[in-house]
């Protein structure tokens, strides 16, 4: 799906949490990320996502802004307020777009957004750019705070 094999991927072994109640969209994201060799978990709502994040310690959280229990913006704020999760990079993957959406995501603590529907060929590269802007690979830590 991407130009790199899983062995060459900058996303290999990156812990990613995908939060999306829209199953077709979530399945496409999941397929791309599995191809890239990510350590992947999924949740269909904000409350389950927050609980999963607190045990999985993702490097990257991809969230839809429209969820069935909390808003994606509230989820971003909750993750950023948790000291054990505050270093996670959060990217909104949403059909909402425009400068207002970007502003709201950034104000909530997110690192940006990617518009749906995703482009399966460039999605992994977009995520690697988001990660590269805020984390060097050597700064990825495990659940105990040890560097990978």
C-alpha atoms as a PDB file:
ATOM      1  CA  UNK A   1       0.000   0.000   0.000  1.00  0.00           C
ATOM      2  CA  UNK A   2       2.930   2.299   0.579  1.00  0.00           C
ATOM      3  CA  UNK A   3       6.223   2.514  -1.265  1.00  0.00           C
ATOM      4  CA  UNK A   4       8.260   1.099   1.628  1.00  0.00           C
ATOM      5  CA  UNK A   5       8.122  -2.451   2.827  1.00  0.00           C
ATOM      6  CA  UNK A   6       7.273  -3.057   6.448  1.00  0.00           C
ATOM      7  CA  UNK A   7      10.989  -3.598   7.149  1.00  0.00           C
ATOM      8  CA  UNK A   8      11.859  -0.161   5.747  1.00  0.00           C
ATOM      9  CA  UNK A   9       8.912   1.685   7.253  1.00  0.00           C
ATOM     10  CA  UNK A  10       9.527   4.528   9.679  1.00  0.00           C
ATOM     11  CA  UNK A  11       6.321   3.320  11.338  1.00  0.00           C
ATOM     12  CA  UNK A  12       7.526  -0.209  12.052  1.00  0.00           C
ATOM     13  CA  UNK A  13       6.833  -1.078  15.708  1.00  0.00           C
ATOM     14  CA  UNK A  14       5.348   2.357  16.404  1.00  0.00           C
ATOM     15  CA  UNK A  15       2.442   1.952  18.844  1.00  0.00           C
ATOM     16  CA  UNK A  16      -0.645   3.475  17.225  1.00  0.00           C
ATOM     17  CA  UNK A  17      -4.158   3.801  18.606  1.00  0.00           C
ATOM     18  CA  UNK A  18      -6.901   4.337  16.012  1.00  0.00           C
ATOM     19  CA  UNK A  19     -10.195   5.777  17.277  1.00  0.00           C
ATOM     20  CA  UNK A  20     -13.055   5.770  14.794  1.00  0.00           C
ATOM     21  CA  UNK A  21     -16.661   4.603  15.014  1.00  0.00           C
ATOM     22  CA  UNK A  22     -16.933   4.414  11.219  1.00  0.00           C
ATOM     23  CA  UNK A  23     -15.903   0.801  10.569  1.00  0.00           C
ATOM     24  CA  UNK A  24     -15.106   1.080   6.823  1.00  0.00           C
ATOM     25  CA  UNK A  25     -12.821   4.037   7.483  1.00  0.00           C
ATOM     26  CA  UNK A  26     -11.201   2.369  10.492  1.00  0.00           C
ATOM     27  CA  UNK A  27     -10.602  -0.833   8.516  1.00  0.00           C
ATOM     28  CA  UNK A  28      -8.812   1.068   5.718  1.00  0.00           C
ATOM     29  CA  UNK A  29      -6.570   2.860   8.232  1.00  0.00           C
ATOM     30  CA  UNK A  30      -5.924  -0.451   9.987  1.00  0.00           C
ATOM     31  CA  UNK A  31      -4.971  -2.197   6.735  1.00  0.00           C
ATOM     32  CA  UNK A  32      -2.474   0.518   5.815  1.00  0.00           C
ATOM     33  CA  UNK A  33      -0.900   0.532   9.275  1.00  0.00           C
ATOM     34  CA  UNK A  34      -0.694  -3.247   9.527  1.00  0.00           C
ATOM     35  CA  UNK A  35       1.108  -3.237   6.173  1.00  0.00           C
ATOM     36  CA  UNK A  36       3.601  -0.788   7.676  1.00  0.00           C
ATOM     37  CA  UNK A  37       4.348  -3.087  10.632  1.00  0.00           C
ATOM     38  CA  UNK A  38       2.802  -0.932  13.358  1.00  0.00           C
ATOM     39  CA  UNK A  39       1.793  -2.176  16.788  1.00  0.00           C
ATOM     40  CA  UNK A  40      -1.865  -1.291  16.408  1.00  0.00           C
ATOM     41  CA  UNK A  41      -4.911  -1.055  18.669  1.00  0.00           C
ATOM     42  CA  UNK A  42      -8.371   0.225  17.776  1.00  0.00           C
ATOM     43  CA  UNK A  43     -11.340   1.679  19.623  1.00  0.00           C
ATOM     44  CA  UNK A  44     -14.720   2.785  18.322  1.00  0.00           C
ATOM     45  CA  UNK A  45     -15.428   5.430  20.982  1.00  0.00           C
ATOM     46  CA  UNK A  46     -13.615   7.910  23.183  1.00  0.00           C
ATOM     47  CA  UNK A  47     -14.079   6.225  26.558  1.00  0.00           C
ATOM     48  CA  UNK A  48     -12.729   2.888  25.314  1.00  0.00           C
ATOM     49  CA  UNK A  49      -9.893   4.746  23.575  1.00  0.00           C
ATOM     50  CA  UNK A  50      -8.863   6.530  26.757  1.00  0.00           C
ATOM     51  CA  UNK A  51      -8.863   3.282  28.761  1.00  0.00           C
ATOM     52  CA  UNK A  52      -6.873   1.520  26.037  1.00  0.00           C
ATOM     53  CA  UNK A  53      -4.384   4.390  25.797  1.00  0.00           C
ATOM     54  CA  UNK A  54      -3.767   4.175  29.544  1.00  0.00           C
ATOM     55  CA  UNK A  55      -2.616   0.561  29.201  1.00  0.00           C
ATOM     56  CA  UNK A  56      -1.067   0.647  25.700  1.00  0.00           C
ATOM     57  CA  UNK A  57       0.881   3.955  25.858  1.00  0.00           C
ATOM     58  CA  UNK A  58       0.673   4.785  22.142  1.00  0.00           C
ATOM     59  CA  UNK A  59       3.291   6.863  20.380  1.00  0.00           C
ATOM     60  CA  UNK A  60       0.548   8.075  18.016  1.00  0.00           C
ATOM     61  CA  UNK A  61      -3.214   8.448  18.386  1.00  0.00           C
ATOM     62  CA  UNK A  62      -5.387   8.846  15.293  1.00  0.00           C
ATOM     63  CA  UNK A  63      -8.873  10.030  16.153  1.00  0.00           C
ATOM     64  CA  UNK A  64     -12.016  10.974  14.333  1.00  0.00           C
ATOM     65  CA  UNK A  65     -13.451  14.210  15.710  1.00  0.00           C
ATOM     66  CA  UNK A  66     -17.026  12.910  15.694  1.00  0.00           C
ATOM     67  CA  UNK A  67     -17.366  10.015  18.137  1.00  0.00           C
ATOM     68  CA  UNK A  68     -20.523   8.590  19.703  1.00  0.00           C
ATOM     69  CA  UNK A  69     -19.669   9.408  23.324  1.00  0.00           C
ATOM     70  CA  UNK A  70     -17.147  12.255  23.604  1.00  0.00           C
ATOM     71  CA  UNK A  71     -15.860  14.510  20.903  1.00  0.00           C
ATOM     72  CA  UNK A  72     -12.479  13.792  19.408  1.00  0.00           C
ATOM     73  CA  UNK A  73     -11.406  17.198  20.731  1.00  0.00           C
ATOM     74  CA  UNK A  74     -12.351  16.143  24.274  1.00  0.00           C
ATOM     75  CA  UNK A  75     -10.410  12.908  23.797  1.00  0.00           C
ATOM     76  CA  UNK A  76      -7.348  14.896  22.701  1.00  0.00           C
ATOM     77  CA  UNK A  77      -7.616  17.098  25.806  1.00  0.00           C
ATOM     78  CA  UNK A  78      -7.999  14.088  28.122  1.00  0.00           C
ATOM     79  CA  UNK A  79      -4.992  12.312  26.644  1.00  0.00           C
ATOM     80  CA  UNK A  80      -2.847  15.430  26.826  1.00  0.00           C
ATOM     81  CA  UNK A  81      -3.909  16.015  30.453  1.00  0.00           C
ATOM     82  CA  UNK A  82      -2.709  12.529  31.474  1.00  0.00           C
ATOM     83  CA  UNK A  83       0.990  12.790  32.388  1.00  0.00           C
ATOM     84  CA  UNK A  84       1.659   9.211  31.246  1.00  0.00           C
ATOM     85  CA  UNK A  85       0.209   9.946  27.792  1.00  0.00           C
ATOM     86  CA  UNK A  86       1.067  13.596  27.233  1.00  0.00           C
ATOM     87  CA  UNK A  87       3.961  12.836  24.863  1.00  0.00           C
ATOM     88  CA  UNK A  88       1.716  10.949  22.440  1.00  0.00           C
ATOM     89  CA  UNK A  89       1.336  12.602  19.060  1.00  0.00           C
ATOM     90  CA  UNK A  90      -2.350  13.023  18.250  1.00  0.00           C
ATOM     91  CA  UNK A  91      -3.636  13.502  14.720  1.00  0.00           C
ATOM     92  CA  UNK A  92      -7.289  13.959  13.829  1.00  0.00           C
ATOM     93  CA  UNK A  93      -8.323  11.857  10.835  1.00  0.00           C
ATOM     94  CA  UNK A  94     -11.622  13.410   9.888  1.00  0.00           C
ATOM     95  CA  UNK A  95     -13.968  14.488   7.132  1.00  0.00           C
ATOM     96  CA  UNK A  96     -14.067  17.934   8.748  1.00  0.00           C
ATOM     97  CA  UNK A  97     -11.579  20.272   7.160  1.00  0.00           C
ATOM     98  CA  UNK A  98     -10.464  23.828   6.827  1.00  0.00           C
ATOM     99  CA  UNK A  99      -8.631  26.346   8.954  1.00  0.00           C
ATOM    100  CA  UNK A 100     -11.226  26.252  11.748  1.00  0.00           C
ATOM    101  CA  UNK A 101     -10.850  22.482  12.164  1.00  0.00           C
ATOM    102  CA  UNK A 102      -7.071  22.762  12.198  1.00  0.00           C
ATOM    103  CA  UNK A 103      -7.214  25.570  14.766  1.00  0.00           C
ATOM    104  CA  UNK A 104      -9.535  23.591  17.053  1.00  0.00           C
ATOM    105  CA  UNK A 105      -7.374  20.452  16.848  1.00  0.00           C
ATOM    106  CA  UNK A 106      -4.198  22.409  17.617  1.00  0.00           C
ATOM    107  CA  UNK A 107      -5.828  24.294  20.492  1.00  0.00           C
ATOM    108  CA  UNK A 108      -6.960  20.996  22.024  1.00  0.00           C
ATOM    109  CA  UNK A 109      -3.375  19.716  21.917  1.00  0.00           C
ATOM    110  CA  UNK A 110      -3.410  17.746  18.678  1.00  0.00           C
ATOM    111  CA  UNK A 111      -0.551  17.817  16.219  1.00  0.00           C
ATOM    112  CA  UNK A 112      -2.678  18.319  13.118  1.00  0.00           C
ATOM    113  CA  UNK A 113      -5.208  16.556  10.971  1.00  0.00           C
ATOM    114  CA  UNK A 114      -5.519  14.410   7.891  1.00  0.00           C
ATOM    115  CA  UNK A 115      -8.636  14.665   5.820  1.00  0.00           C
ATOM    116  CA  UNK A 116     -10.852  11.662   5.086  1.00  0.00           C
ATOM    117  CA  UNK A 117     -11.045   9.716   2.959  1.00  0.00           C
ATOM    118  CA  UNK A 118      -7.374   8.898   3.442  1.00  0.00           C
ATOM    119  CA  UNK A 119      -5.077   8.275   0.500  1.00  0.00           C
ATOM    120  CA  UNK A 120      -3.801   4.764   1.205  1.00  0.00           C
ATOM    121  CA  UNK A 121      -0.655   5.396  -0.846  1.00  0.00           C
ATOM    122  CA  UNK A 122       0.475   8.482   1.086  1.00  0.00           C
ATOM    123  CA  UNK A 123      -1.089   7.929   4.515  1.00  0.00           C
ATOM    124  CA  UNK A 124       1.954   6.265   6.137  1.00  0.00           C
ATOM    125  CA  UNK A 125       4.233   9.018   4.848  1.00  0.00           C
ATOM    126  CA  UNK A 126       1.889  11.667   6.256  1.00  0.00           C
ATOM    127  CA  UNK A 127       1.964   9.973   9.668  1.00  0.00           C
ATOM    128  CA  UNK A 128       5.756   9.679   9.595  1.00  0.00           C
ATOM    129  CA  UNK A 129       5.927  13.427   8.973  1.00  0.00           C
ATOM    130  CA  UNK A 130       3.678  14.110  11.953  1.00  0.00           C
ATOM    131  CA  UNK A 131       5.850  11.888  14.131  1.00  0.00           C
ATOM    132  CA  UNK A 132       9.065  13.358  12.785  1.00  0.00           C
ATOM    133  CA  UNK A 133       8.015  16.878  13.633  1.00  0.00           C
ATOM    134  CA  UNK A 134       7.641  16.079  17.313  1.00  0.00           C
ATOM    135  CA  UNK A 135       9.541  12.895  18.115  1.00  0.00           C
ATOM    136  CA  UNK A 136      12.842  11.476  17.011  1.00  0.00           C
ATOM    137  CA  UNK A 137      12.747   7.669  16.777  1.00  0.00           C
ATOM    138  CA  UNK A 138      15.234   7.408  19.658  1.00  0.00           C
ATOM    139  CA  UNK A 139      12.735   9.217  21.895  1.00  0.00           C
ATOM    140  CA  UNK A 140      10.098   6.512  21.587  1.00  0.00           C
ATOM    141  CA  UNK A 141       9.719   4.960  24.996  1.00  0.00           C
ATOM    142  CA  UNK A 142       8.038   1.853  26.228  1.00  0.00           C
ATOM    143  CA  UNK A 143       5.319   1.753  28.887  1.00  0.00           C
ATOM    144  CA  UNK A 144       7.963   1.947  31.617  1.00  0.00           C
ATOM    145  CA  UNK A 145       9.625   5.039  30.111  1.00  0.00           C
ATOM    146  CA  UNK A 146      12.582   3.146  28.637  1.00  0.00           C
ATOM    147  CA  UNK A 147      13.861   4.235  25.221  1.00  0.00           C
ATOM    148  CA  UNK A 148      13.338   1.690  22.455  1.00  0.00           C
END
